[in-house]
Amino acid sequence: MASGRAWTQTELMIAMNLYCKLPFGQLDHRNLLIIDVAQKLGRTPSSLSMKLCNLASLDPRQKARGIRGLDSSSKGDKEIWNLFNADWERYGIESEECLQTLLAKDADKESNIPALVKKPQKQSAIKMPAIFPNGATETEATAKVRIGQRFFRQSVLASYNSRCCITGKGINKF
């Protein structure tokens, strides 16, 4: 076994989430998403990539395709695999929340970038009178949102290589 720190349950959930969303050919340490997530986890992109390939060794779909993954899956890898397979809906949602929380980490640092100075726009030749609203300018709306939809969509797209399973046409991934 490699001499590094053990993977936490949350880290394994995030890895499983990525595994479900990324096609096998994109489990590479040069993948920008893997680099970003690994950095935020305090791990190397290679270690995250290897963890994803360890998960691939547990995937019967990959085995059926003749893909073995890596043979060094841990007890934790097997446990997270079994948890997901026992309750995809619950763990899909939980893992998506973990991933989104991680990706939002340090996002506010980007706000320190100086704003671009906008050039004044030319005045239009025709002057329109200012029209001010005379009623309410806001309203409340209620919308139903399916919990876990993002995880489900990205997992299905990864399974079909970002193509419609009926027509075979390419689909925007994210």
N, C-alpha and C. Protein backbone atom coordinates (compact mmCIF):
# COMPACT_ATOMS: atom_id res chain seq x y z
N MET A 1 0.84 -1.18 0.00
CA MET A 1 0.00 0.00 0.00
C MET A 1 0.88 1.24 0.00
N ALA A 2 0.43 2.28 -0.65
CA ALA A 2 1.20 3.53 -0.74
C ALA A 2 1.32 4.17 0.64
N SER A 3 2.40 4.91 0.83
CA SER A 3 2.63 5.53 2.14
C SER A 3 2.12 6.96 2.12
N GLY A 4 0.85 7.14 2.20
CA GLY A 4 0.22 8.46 2.24
C GLY A 4 -0.83 8.44 3.31
N ARG A 5 -1.53 9.54 3.43
CA ARG A 5 -2.60 9.56 4.44
C ARG A 5 -3.82 8.81 3.90
N ALA A 6 -4.56 8.25 4.80
CA ALA A 6 -5.74 7.47 4.43
C ALA A 6 -6.82 8.39 3.86
N TRP A 7 -7.62 7.86 2.95
CA TRP A 7 -8.72 8.59 2.36
C TRP A 7 -9.88 8.63 3.35
N THR A 8 -10.45 9.81 3.54
CA THR A 8 -11.60 9.95 4.42
C THR A 8 -12.86 9.52 3.68
N GLN A 9 -13.93 9.32 4.43
CA GLN A 9 -15.22 8.97 3.83
C GLN A 9 -15.67 10.06 2.84
N THR A 10 -15.50 11.32 3.22
CA THR A 10 -15.90 12.44 2.35
C THR A 10 -15.07 12.44 1.07
N GLU A 11 -13.77 12.21 1.19
CA GLU A 11 -12.91 12.18 0.01
C GLU A 11 -13.31 11.03 -0.91
N LEU A 12 -13.64 9.89 -0.33
CA LEU A 12 -14.07 8.75 -1.14
C LEU A 12 -15.41 9.04 -1.82
N MET A 13 -16.30 9.75 -1.13
CA MET A 13 -17.59 10.13 -1.74
C MET A 13 -17.34 11.03 -2.95
N ILE A 14 -16.44 11.98 -2.80
CA ILE A 14 -16.11 12.90 -3.90
C ILE A 14 -15.49 12.13 -5.05
N ALA A 15 -14.59 11.21 -4.74
CA ALA A 15 -13.95 10.39 -5.79
C ALA A 15 -15.01 9.55 -6.52
N MET A 16 -15.92 8.95 -5.78
CA MET A 16 -16.97 8.14 -6.39
C MET A 16 -17.86 9.00 -7.28
N ASN A 17 -18.16 10.21 -6.83
CA ASN A 17 -18.96 11.14 -7.62
C ASN A 17 -18.27 11.41 -8.95
N LEU A 18 -16.97 11.71 -8.90
CA LEU A 18 -16.22 11.97 -10.14
C LEU A 18 -16.18 10.73 -11.01
N TYR A 19 -15.99 9.57 -10.39
CA TYR A 19 -15.93 8.33 -11.17
C TYR A 19 -17.23 8.12 -11.95
N CYS A 20 -18.35 8.43 -11.32
CA CYS A 20 -19.65 8.24 -11.98
C CYS A 20 -19.86 9.21 -13.13
N LYS A 21 -19.22 10.37 -13.07
CA LYS A 21 -19.45 11.41 -14.06
C LYS A 21 -18.44 11.42 -15.21
N LEU A 22 -17.28 10.90 -14.97
CA LEU A 22 -16.23 10.96 -15.99
C LEU A 22 -16.12 9.64 -16.74
N PRO A 23 -16.07 9.69 -18.06
CA PRO A 23 -15.83 8.46 -18.82
C PRO A 23 -14.45 7.89 -18.44
N PHE A 24 -14.30 6.58 -18.58
CA PHE A 24 -13.06 5.93 -18.16
C PHE A 24 -11.82 6.59 -18.78
N GLY A 25 -11.90 6.99 -20.02
CA GLY A 25 -10.76 7.60 -20.71
C GLY A 25 -10.36 8.96 -20.16
N GLN A 26 -11.17 9.55 -19.28
CA GLN A 26 -10.85 10.87 -18.72
C GLN A 26 -10.40 10.80 -17.26
N LEU A 27 -10.08 9.63 -16.78
CA LEU A 27 -9.64 9.47 -15.39
C LEU A 27 -8.13 9.73 -15.28
N ASP A 28 -7.65 10.66 -16.04
CA ASP A 28 -6.23 10.95 -16.17
C ASP A 28 -5.79 12.08 -15.24
N HIS A 29 -4.57 12.01 -14.75
CA HIS A 29 -4.05 13.04 -13.84
C HIS A 29 -3.88 14.40 -14.52
N ARG A 30 -4.03 14.46 -15.84
CA ARG A 30 -3.94 15.74 -16.55
C ARG A 30 -5.30 16.38 -16.80
N ASN A 31 -6.37 15.69 -16.41
CA ASN A 31 -7.73 16.22 -16.54
C ASN A 31 -7.86 17.42 -15.60
N LEU A 32 -8.30 18.56 -16.13
CA LEU A 32 -8.36 19.79 -15.34
C LEU A 32 -9.26 19.68 -14.12
N LEU A 33 -10.37 18.96 -14.23
CA LEU A 33 -11.26 18.78 -13.09
C LEU A 33 -10.55 17.96 -12.01
N ILE A 34 -9.87 16.91 -12.41
CA ILE A 34 -9.15 16.08 -11.45
C ILE A 34 -8.05 16.89 -10.77
N ILE A 35 -7.36 17.73 -11.53
CA ILE A 35 -6.31 18.59 -10.96
C ILE A 35 -6.91 19.52 -9.92
N ASP A 36 -8.02 20.17 -10.26
CA ASP A 36 -8.66 21.13 -9.35
C ASP A 36 -9.15 20.45 -8.08
N VAL A 37 -9.85 19.33 -8.24
CA VAL A 37 -10.39 18.62 -7.08
C VAL A 37 -9.25 18.09 -6.20
N ALA A 38 -8.23 17.52 -6.83
CA ALA A 38 -7.10 16.98 -6.06
C ALA A 38 -6.43 18.09 -5.25
N GLN A 39 -6.23 19.23 -5.87
CA GLN A 39 -5.60 20.36 -5.18
C GLN A 39 -6.43 20.76 -3.96
N LYS A 40 -7.74 20.84 -4.12
CA LYS A 40 -8.60 21.25 -3.02
C LYS A 40 -8.71 20.17 -1.94
N LEU A 41 -8.45 18.91 -2.31
CA LEU A 41 -8.43 17.83 -1.33
C LEU A 41 -7.08 17.74 -0.62
N GLY A 42 -6.09 18.46 -1.15
CA GLY A 42 -4.75 18.37 -0.58
C GLY A 42 -4.04 17.10 -1.03
N ARG A 43 -4.37 16.64 -2.23
CA ARG A 43 -3.78 15.43 -2.79
C ARG A 43 -3.19 15.76 -4.16
N THR A 44 -2.42 14.84 -4.69
CA THR A 44 -1.88 15.06 -6.02
C THR A 44 -2.90 14.59 -7.06
N PRO A 45 -2.87 15.17 -8.26
CA PRO A 45 -3.76 14.67 -9.31
C PRO A 45 -3.53 13.19 -9.61
N SER A 46 -2.30 12.73 -9.50
CA SER A 46 -2.01 11.32 -9.75
C SER A 46 -2.69 10.43 -8.71
N SER A 47 -2.69 10.85 -7.44
CA SER A 47 -3.33 10.01 -6.42
C SER A 47 -4.84 9.95 -6.62
N LEU A 48 -5.45 11.06 -7.00
CA LEU A 48 -6.89 11.05 -7.27
C LEU A 48 -7.19 10.21 -8.51
N SER A 49 -6.39 10.36 -9.52
CA SER A 49 -6.57 9.57 -10.74
C SER A 49 -6.45 8.07 -10.44
N MET A 50 -5.47 7.71 -9.63
CA MET A 50 -5.31 6.29 -9.25
C MET A 50 -6.50 5.80 -8.44
N LYS A 51 -7.03 6.66 -7.56
CA LYS A 51 -8.20 6.27 -6.77
C LYS A 51 -9.38 5.99 -7.70
N LEU A 52 -9.55 6.84 -8.72
CA LEU A 52 -10.65 6.63 -9.68
C LEU A 52 -10.46 5.32 -10.44
N CYS A 53 -9.21 5.00 -10.78
CA CYS A 53 -8.94 3.74 -11.48
C CYS A 53 -9.10 2.54 -10.55
N ASN A 54 -8.86 2.73 -9.24
CA ASN A 54 -9.15 1.67 -8.27
C ASN A 54 -10.66 1.40 -8.25
N LEU A 55 -11.45 2.47 -8.30
CA LEU A 55 -12.91 2.29 -8.34
C LEU A 55 -13.34 1.58 -9.62
N ALA A 56 -12.64 1.85 -10.71
CA ALA A 56 -12.97 1.19 -11.99
C ALA A 56 -12.78 -0.32 -11.89
N SER A 57 -11.84 -0.76 -11.05
CA SER A 57 -11.61 -2.20 -10.90
C SER A 57 -12.80 -2.89 -10.24
N LEU A 58 -13.67 -2.12 -9.60
CA LEU A 58 -14.85 -2.68 -8.93
C LEU A 58 -16.10 -2.62 -9.81
N ASP A 59 -16.00 -1.96 -10.95
CA ASP A 59 -17.16 -1.69 -11.80
C ASP A 59 -17.43 -2.84 -12.76
N PRO A 60 -18.58 -3.52 -12.60
CA PRO A 60 -18.89 -4.63 -13.50
C PRO A 60 -19.05 -4.20 -14.97
N ARG A 61 -19.46 -2.94 -15.20
CA ARG A 61 -19.59 -2.45 -16.59
C ARG A 61 -18.21 -2.42 -17.25
N GLN A 62 -17.21 -1.99 -16.50
CA GLN A 62 -15.86 -1.93 -17.06
C GLN A 62 -15.32 -3.34 -17.27
N LYS A 63 -15.57 -4.22 -16.32
CA LYS A 63 -15.11 -5.61 -16.45
C LYS A 63 -15.71 -6.25 -17.69
N ALA A 64 -17.01 -5.96 -17.95
CA ALA A 64 -17.68 -6.52 -19.13
C ALA A 64 -17.04 -6.00 -20.42
N ARG A 65 -16.46 -4.80 -20.37
CA ARG A 65 -15.79 -4.23 -21.54
C ARG A 65 -14.34 -4.69 -21.65
N GLY A 66 -13.89 -5.48 -20.67
CA GLY A 66 -12.51 -5.95 -20.67
C GLY A 66 -11.53 -4.97 -20.04
N ILE A 67 -12.06 -3.99 -19.31
CA ILE A 67 -11.22 -2.99 -18.64
C ILE A 67 -11.09 -3.41 -17.18
N ARG A 68 -9.86 -3.48 -16.71
CA ARG A 68 -9.61 -3.96 -15.36
C ARG A 68 -9.49 -2.86 -14.32
N GLY A 69 -9.05 -1.69 -14.69
CA GLY A 69 -8.75 -0.66 -13.69
C GLY A 69 -7.46 -1.04 -12.97
N LEU A 70 -7.25 -0.50 -11.79
CA LEU A 70 -6.07 -0.85 -11.00
C LEU A 70 -6.46 -1.90 -9.96
N ASP A 71 -5.52 -2.74 -9.63
CA ASP A 71 -5.79 -3.84 -8.71
C ASP A 71 -5.58 -3.49 -7.24
N SER A 72 -5.37 -2.21 -6.94
CA SER A 72 -5.04 -1.85 -5.56
C SER A 72 -6.19 -1.18 -4.82
N SER A 73 -7.44 -1.60 -5.10
CA SER A 73 -8.57 -0.98 -4.40
C SER A 73 -8.51 -1.35 -2.91
N SER A 74 -8.90 -0.40 -2.10
CA SER A 74 -8.82 -0.57 -0.65
C SER A 74 -10.17 -1.03 -0.10
N LYS A 75 -10.16 -1.30 1.19
CA LYS A 75 -11.40 -1.65 1.88
C LYS A 75 -12.37 -0.48 1.79
N GLY A 76 -11.86 0.76 1.94
CA GLY A 76 -12.70 1.95 1.83
C GLY A 76 -13.31 2.09 0.45
N ASP A 77 -12.54 1.76 -0.60
CA ASP A 77 -13.06 1.82 -1.97
C ASP A 77 -14.25 0.87 -2.12
N LYS A 78 -14.08 -0.33 -1.60
CA LYS A 78 -15.15 -1.33 -1.71
C LYS A 78 -16.37 -0.91 -0.90
N GLU A 79 -16.12 -0.32 0.28
CA GLU A 79 -17.24 0.13 1.11
C GLU A 79 -18.03 1.25 0.42
N ILE A 80 -17.33 2.22 -0.16
CA ILE A 80 -18.03 3.33 -0.82
C ILE A 80 -18.76 2.82 -2.06
N TRP A 81 -18.16 1.88 -2.78
CA TRP A 81 -18.81 1.27 -3.95
C TRP A 81 -20.11 0.59 -3.52
N ASN A 82 -20.05 -0.16 -2.42
CA ASN A 82 -21.24 -0.87 -1.94
C ASN A 82 -22.31 0.10 -1.43
N LEU A 83 -21.89 1.17 -0.75
CA LEU A 83 -22.85 2.18 -0.28
C LEU A 83 -23.61 2.78 -1.45
N PHE A 84 -22.89 3.20 -2.48
CA PHE A 84 -23.52 3.80 -3.65
C PHE A 84 -24.47 2.81 -4.31
N ASN A 85 -24.03 1.58 -4.47
CA ASN A 85 -24.87 0.59 -5.14
C ASN A 85 -26.10 0.22 -4.32
N ALA A 86 -26.03 0.38 -3.01
CA ALA A 86 -27.19 0.09 -2.16
C ALA A 86 -28.23 1.21 -2.23
N ASP A 87 -27.78 2.46 -2.41
CA ASP A 87 -28.71 3.59 -2.40
C ASP A 87 -28.14 4.73 -3.26
N TRP A 88 -28.26 4.60 -4.58
CA TRP A 88 -27.70 5.59 -5.52
C TRP A 88 -28.27 6.98 -5.28
N GLU A 89 -29.56 7.05 -5.01
CA GLU A 89 -30.19 8.36 -4.86
C GLU A 89 -29.60 9.11 -3.66
N ARG A 90 -29.55 8.46 -2.53
CA ARG A 90 -29.03 9.11 -1.32
C ARG A 90 -27.57 9.50 -1.47
N TYR A 91 -26.74 8.56 -1.88
CA TYR A 91 -25.30 8.84 -1.93
C TYR A 91 -24.91 9.69 -3.13
N GLY A 92 -25.71 9.62 -4.18
CA GLY A 92 -25.48 10.53 -5.31
C GLY A 92 -25.67 11.98 -4.87
N ILE A 93 -26.73 12.23 -4.12
CA ILE A 93 -27.02 13.58 -3.63
C ILE A 93 -25.95 14.01 -2.62
N GLU A 94 -25.63 13.13 -1.67
CA GLU A 94 -24.62 13.46 -0.66
C GLU A 94 -23.27 13.76 -1.30
N SER A 95 -22.89 12.93 -2.25
CA SER A 95 -21.57 13.13 -2.88
C SER A 95 -21.55 14.40 -3.72
N GLU A 96 -22.68 14.74 -4.33
CA GLU A 96 -22.74 15.98 -5.11
C GLU A 96 -22.62 17.19 -4.20
N GLU A 97 -23.26 17.12 -3.03
CA GLU A 97 -23.13 18.21 -2.06
C GLU A 97 -21.68 18.36 -1.58
N CYS A 98 -21.03 17.24 -1.33
CA CYS A 98 -19.61 17.27 -0.91
C CYS A 98 -18.74 17.89 -2.00
N LEU A 99 -18.97 17.48 -3.24
CA LEU A 99 -18.18 18.00 -4.35
C LEU A 99 -18.41 19.49 -4.55
N GLN A 100 -19.67 19.91 -4.52
CA GLN A 100 -19.96 21.33 -4.73
C GLN A 100 -19.40 22.19 -3.60
N THR A 101 -19.45 21.68 -2.37
CA THR A 101 -18.86 22.40 -1.24
C THR A 101 -17.36 22.53 -1.43
N LEU A 102 -16.73 21.45 -1.87
CA LEU A 102 -15.28 21.48 -2.10
C LEU A 102 -14.93 22.46 -3.22
N LEU A 103 -15.68 22.42 -4.31
CA LEU A 103 -15.39 23.30 -5.45
C LEU A 103 -15.64 24.76 -5.11
N ALA A 104 -16.56 25.02 -4.19
CA ALA A 104 -16.84 26.40 -3.78
C ALA A 104 -15.75 26.92 -2.84
N LYS A 105 -14.99 26.00 -2.26
CA LYS A 105 -13.91 26.37 -1.34
C LYS A 105 -12.91 27.25 -2.07
N ASP A 106 -12.54 28.34 -1.49
CA ASP A 106 -11.58 29.30 -2.05
C ASP A 106 -12.13 30.03 -3.27
N ALA A 107 -13.40 29.87 -3.60
CA ALA A 107 -13.97 30.56 -4.77
C ALA A 107 -14.00 32.07 -4.54
N ASP A 108 -14.14 32.48 -3.27
CA ASP A 108 -14.20 33.91 -3.00
C ASP A 108 -12.85 34.59 -3.20
N LYS A 109 -11.77 33.82 -3.31
CA LYS A 109 -10.46 34.41 -3.57
C LYS A 109 -10.42 35.05 -4.96
N GLU A 110 -11.24 34.51 -5.87
CA GLU A 110 -11.28 35.07 -7.22
C GLU A 110 -11.85 36.48 -7.21
N SER A 111 -12.62 36.83 -6.19
CA SER A 111 -13.21 38.17 -6.14
C SER A 111 -12.16 39.23 -5.84
N ASN A 112 -10.95 38.82 -5.47
CA ASN A 112 -9.87 39.77 -5.22
C ASN A 112 -9.23 40.26 -6.51
N ILE A 113 -9.60 39.68 -7.63
CA ILE A 113 -9.05 40.10 -8.92
C ILE A 113 -9.65 41.46 -9.26
N PRO A 114 -8.81 42.45 -9.62
CA PRO A 114 -9.35 43.77 -9.93
C PRO A 114 -10.34 43.72 -11.08
N ALA A 115 -11.40 44.49 -10.95
CA ALA A 115 -12.43 44.54 -11.99
C ALA A 115 -11.89 45.27 -13.21
N LEU A 116 -12.35 44.87 -14.38
CA LEU A 116 -11.94 45.54 -15.61
C LEU A 116 -12.58 46.92 -15.68
N VAL A 117 -11.82 47.87 -16.13
CA VAL A 117 -12.35 49.23 -16.28
C VAL A 117 -13.12 49.27 -17.59
N LYS A 118 -14.38 49.67 -17.50
CA LYS A 118 -15.22 49.73 -18.70
C LYS A 118 -15.07 51.07 -19.37
N LYS A 119 -14.99 51.01 -20.69
CA LYS A 119 -14.93 52.25 -21.47
C LYS A 119 -16.34 52.82 -21.57
N PRO A 120 -16.47 54.14 -21.50
CA PRO A 120 -17.81 54.71 -21.65
C PRO A 120 -18.35 54.42 -23.05
N GLN A 121 -19.63 54.06 -23.09
CA GLN A 121 -20.25 53.76 -24.38
C GLN A 121 -20.73 55.05 -25.03
N LYS A 122 -20.77 55.03 -26.35
CA LYS A 122 -21.23 56.19 -27.10
C LYS A 122 -22.72 56.41 -26.84
N GLN A 123 -23.10 57.68 -26.78
CA GLN A 123 -24.50 58.00 -26.60
C GLN A 123 -25.24 57.73 -27.90
N SER A 124 -26.47 57.22 -27.80
CA SER A 124 -27.23 56.98 -29.02
C SER A 124 -27.76 58.31 -29.55
N ALA A 125 -27.96 58.37 -30.84
CA ALA A 125 -28.41 59.61 -31.48
C ALA A 125 -29.85 59.93 -31.09
N ILE A 126 -30.66 58.89 -30.84
CA ILE A 126 -32.05 59.11 -30.49
C ILE A 126 -32.18 59.01 -28.97
N LYS A 127 -32.70 60.03 -28.36
CA LYS A 127 -32.89 60.04 -26.91
C LYS A 127 -34.29 59.53 -26.59
N MET A 128 -34.34 58.53 -25.75
CA MET A 128 -35.62 57.98 -25.32
C MET A 128 -35.93 58.52 -23.94
N PRO A 129 -37.18 58.88 -23.68
CA PRO A 129 -37.52 59.36 -22.34
C PRO A 129 -37.41 58.21 -21.33
N ALA A 130 -36.98 58.50 -20.14
CA ALA A 130 -36.88 57.50 -19.10
C ALA A 130 -38.28 57.10 -18.67
N ILE A 131 -38.53 55.79 -18.63
CA ILE A 131 -39.83 55.28 -18.20
C ILE A 131 -39.60 54.53 -16.91
N PHE A 132 -40.26 54.96 -15.87
CA PHE A 132 -40.10 54.33 -14.57
C PHE A 132 -41.29 53.43 -14.30
N PRO A 133 -41.04 52.28 -13.69
CA PRO A 133 -42.15 51.38 -13.39
C PRO A 133 -43.09 52.02 -12.39
N ASN A 134 -44.38 51.76 -12.55
CA ASN A 134 -45.35 52.34 -11.63
C ASN A 134 -45.98 51.29 -10.72
N GLY A 135 -45.47 50.08 -10.77
CA GLY A 135 -46.00 49.02 -9.92
C GLY A 135 -44.87 48.25 -9.27
N ALA A 136 -45.20 47.06 -8.84
CA ALA A 136 -44.21 46.19 -8.19
C ALA A 136 -43.11 45.82 -9.19
N THR A 137 -41.89 45.78 -8.72
CA THR A 137 -40.75 45.42 -9.59
C THR A 137 -40.20 44.05 -9.26
N GLU A 138 -40.78 43.40 -8.28
CA GLU A 138 -40.33 42.07 -7.90
C GLU A 138 -41.54 41.20 -7.62
N THR A 139 -41.35 39.89 -7.77
CA THR A 139 -42.39 38.94 -7.42
C THR A 139 -41.71 37.70 -6.88
N GLU A 140 -42.44 36.90 -6.15
CA GLU A 140 -41.89 35.64 -5.66
C GLU A 140 -42.37 34.53 -6.57
N ALA A 141 -41.49 33.55 -6.77
CA ALA A 141 -41.84 32.40 -7.59
C ALA A 141 -41.41 31.13 -6.87
N THR A 142 -42.17 30.09 -7.05
CA THR A 142 -41.84 28.80 -6.48
C THR A 142 -41.58 27.85 -7.63
N ALA A 143 -40.51 27.10 -7.50
CA ALA A 143 -40.18 26.14 -8.54
C ALA A 143 -39.83 24.80 -7.90
N LYS A 144 -40.24 23.72 -8.53
CA LYS A 144 -39.86 22.40 -8.07
C LYS A 144 -38.52 22.05 -8.71
N VAL A 145 -37.60 21.60 -7.90
CA VAL A 145 -36.28 21.21 -8.38
C VAL A 145 -36.03 19.78 -7.93
N ARG A 146 -35.62 18.94 -8.87
CA ARG A 146 -35.33 17.56 -8.51
C ARG A 146 -33.97 17.50 -7.83
N ILE A 147 -33.95 16.99 -6.62
CA ILE A 147 -32.72 16.87 -5.86
C ILE A 147 -31.86 15.78 -6.50
N GLY A 148 -30.61 16.07 -6.67
CA GLY A 148 -29.70 15.09 -7.24
C GLY A 148 -29.72 15.05 -8.76
N GLN A 149 -30.44 15.96 -9.40
CA GLN A 149 -30.56 15.94 -10.85
C GLN A 149 -29.21 16.10 -11.55
N ARG A 150 -28.36 16.99 -11.05
CA ARG A 150 -27.06 17.23 -11.68
C ARG A 150 -26.21 15.95 -11.67
N PHE A 151 -26.15 15.29 -10.52
CA PHE A 151 -25.37 14.06 -10.42
C PHE A 151 -25.93 13.01 -11.38
N PHE A 152 -27.25 12.83 -11.38
CA PHE A 152 -27.88 11.84 -12.25
C PHE A 152 -27.59 12.12 -13.72
N ARG A 153 -27.76 13.37 -14.13
CA ARG A 153 -27.55 13.75 -15.54
C ARG A 153 -26.11 13.49 -15.97
N GLN A 154 -25.18 13.94 -15.15
CA GLN A 154 -23.78 13.79 -15.52
C GLN A 154 -23.36 12.33 -15.52
N SER A 155 -23.93 11.52 -14.62
CA SER A 155 -23.62 10.09 -14.60
C SER A 155 -24.13 9.39 -15.85
N VAL A 156 -25.36 9.72 -16.24
CA VAL A 156 -25.93 9.11 -17.45
C VAL A 156 -25.14 9.53 -18.68
N LEU A 157 -24.80 10.82 -18.78
CA LEU A 157 -24.03 11.28 -19.93
C LEU A 157 -22.67 10.59 -20.00
N ALA A 158 -22.04 10.38 -18.85
CA ALA A 158 -20.75 9.69 -18.84
C ALA A 158 -20.92 8.24 -19.32
N SER A 159 -22.03 7.62 -18.94
CA SER A 159 -22.28 6.23 -19.34
C SER A 159 -22.46 6.09 -20.84
N TYR A 160 -23.01 7.12 -21.48
CA TYR A 160 -23.26 7.06 -22.92
C TYR A 160 -22.28 7.93 -23.71
N ASN A 161 -21.14 8.25 -23.09
CA ASN A 161 -20.08 9.01 -23.76
C ASN A 161 -20.59 10.34 -24.32
N SER A 162 -21.43 11.02 -23.55
CA SER A 162 -22.01 12.33 -23.91
C SER A 162 -22.77 12.29 -25.22
N ARG A 163 -23.46 11.17 -25.45
CA ARG A 163 -24.27 11.01 -26.66
C ARG A 163 -25.66 10.53 -26.26
N CYS A 164 -26.64 10.91 -27.05
CA CYS A 164 -28.00 10.44 -26.84
C CYS A 164 -28.02 8.92 -27.01
N CYS A 165 -28.60 8.20 -26.07
CA CYS A 165 -28.62 6.73 -26.15
C CYS A 165 -29.53 6.22 -27.27
N ILE A 166 -30.39 7.08 -27.81
CA ILE A 166 -31.29 6.68 -28.88
C ILE A 166 -30.74 7.06 -30.25
N THR A 167 -30.37 8.33 -30.41
CA THR A 167 -29.93 8.81 -31.73
C THR A 167 -28.43 8.77 -31.92
N GLY A 168 -27.67 8.76 -30.83
CA GLY A 168 -26.22 8.78 -30.93
C GLY A 168 -25.63 10.17 -31.14
N LYS A 169 -26.50 11.19 -31.17
CA LYS A 169 -26.00 12.56 -31.36
C LYS A 169 -25.32 13.06 -30.09
N GLY A 170 -24.30 13.89 -30.27
CA GLY A 170 -23.58 14.47 -29.16
C GLY A 170 -24.46 15.42 -28.35
N ILE A 171 -24.22 15.45 -27.05
CA ILE A 171 -24.98 16.28 -26.12
C ILE A 171 -23.99 17.13 -25.34
N ASN A 172 -24.34 18.41 -25.09
CA ASN A 172 -23.50 19.23 -24.24
C ASN A 172 -23.45 18.60 -22.87
N LYS A 173 -22.25 18.40 -22.36
CA LYS A 173 -22.07 17.64 -21.14
C LYS A 173 -22.51 18.37 -19.89
N PHE A 174 -22.07 19.59 -19.71
CA PHE A 174 -22.37 20.28 -18.46
C PHE A 174 -23.16 21.49 -18.80
